[in-house]
Amino acid sequence: MKTVRVVLSPEAEEVYNYLNKEAPVSKTERTILKAINQKKELIKQNPH
C-alpha cells in the first residue's frame, strides 16, 4: 500500500492544533476534531 500524507494549510493546522488543545474540555471541539480525523483516515484509506 502506498504511503499517504495529509498536509494541512497553515490556517487549517492552526485550527487543528487549537481543536486538539480544547478537545478534552469542550464537547463541540471534540466532535469537530473527531470528524476531521475520520475524514483524514478515509483519505488515507482511499486516496483516489
Protein backbone atom coordinates (compact mmCIF):
# COMPACT_ATOMS: atom_id res chain seq x y z
CA MET A 1 0.00 0.00 0.00
CA LYS A 2 1.23 3.46 -0.88
CA THR A 3 2.01 5.85 1.97
CA VAL A 4 -0.34 8.84 2.07
CA ARG A 5 0.30 12.09 3.91
CA VAL A 6 -2.38 14.64 4.62
CA VAL A 7 -0.88 18.13 4.57
CA LEU A 8 -2.86 20.99 6.09
CA SER A 9 -2.63 24.64 5.14
CA PRO A 10 -1.09 26.87 7.81
CA GLU A 11 -4.52 28.18 8.84
CA ALA A 12 -6.01 24.68 8.98
CA GLU A 13 -3.04 23.44 11.00
CA GLU A 14 -3.53 26.29 13.48
CA VAL A 15 -7.21 25.39 13.91
CA TYR A 16 -6.38 21.67 14.15
CA ASN A 17 -3.87 22.38 16.94
CA TYR A 18 -6.44 24.55 18.73
CA LEU A 19 -9.03 21.75 18.50
CA ASN A 20 -6.51 19.25 19.89
CA LYS A 21 -5.84 21.58 22.81
CA GLU A 22 -9.51 22.29 23.57
CA ALA A 23 -10.99 18.83 22.87
CA PRO A 24 -10.55 17.46 26.41
CA VAL A 25 -12.75 20.22 27.87
CA SER A 26 -15.19 21.09 25.07
CA LYS A 27 -17.69 18.71 23.54
CA THR A 28 -18.08 20.85 20.40
CA GLU A 29 -14.35 20.94 19.70
CA ARG A 30 -14.09 17.21 20.41
CA THR A 31 -16.88 16.48 17.90
CA ILE A 32 -15.28 18.62 15.18
CA LEU A 33 -11.85 17.07 15.80
CA LYS A 34 -13.31 13.55 15.62
CA ALA A 35 -14.96 14.36 12.28
CA ILE A 36 -11.72 15.77 10.87
CA ASN A 37 -9.76 12.71 11.99
CA GLN A 38 -12.34 10.39 10.42
CA LYS A 39 -12.08 12.25 7.09
CA LYS A 40 -8.29 12.06 7.29
CA GLU A 41 -8.47 8.29 7.73
CA LEU A 42 -10.86 7.97 4.79
CA ILE A 43 -8.46 9.90 2.58
CA LYS A 44 -5.57 7.69 3.70
CA GLN A 45 -7.53 4.50 3.01
CA ASN A 46 -8.64 5.57 -0.47
CA PRO A 47 -6.54 8.43 -1.90
CA HIS A 48 -8.24 8.20 -5.32
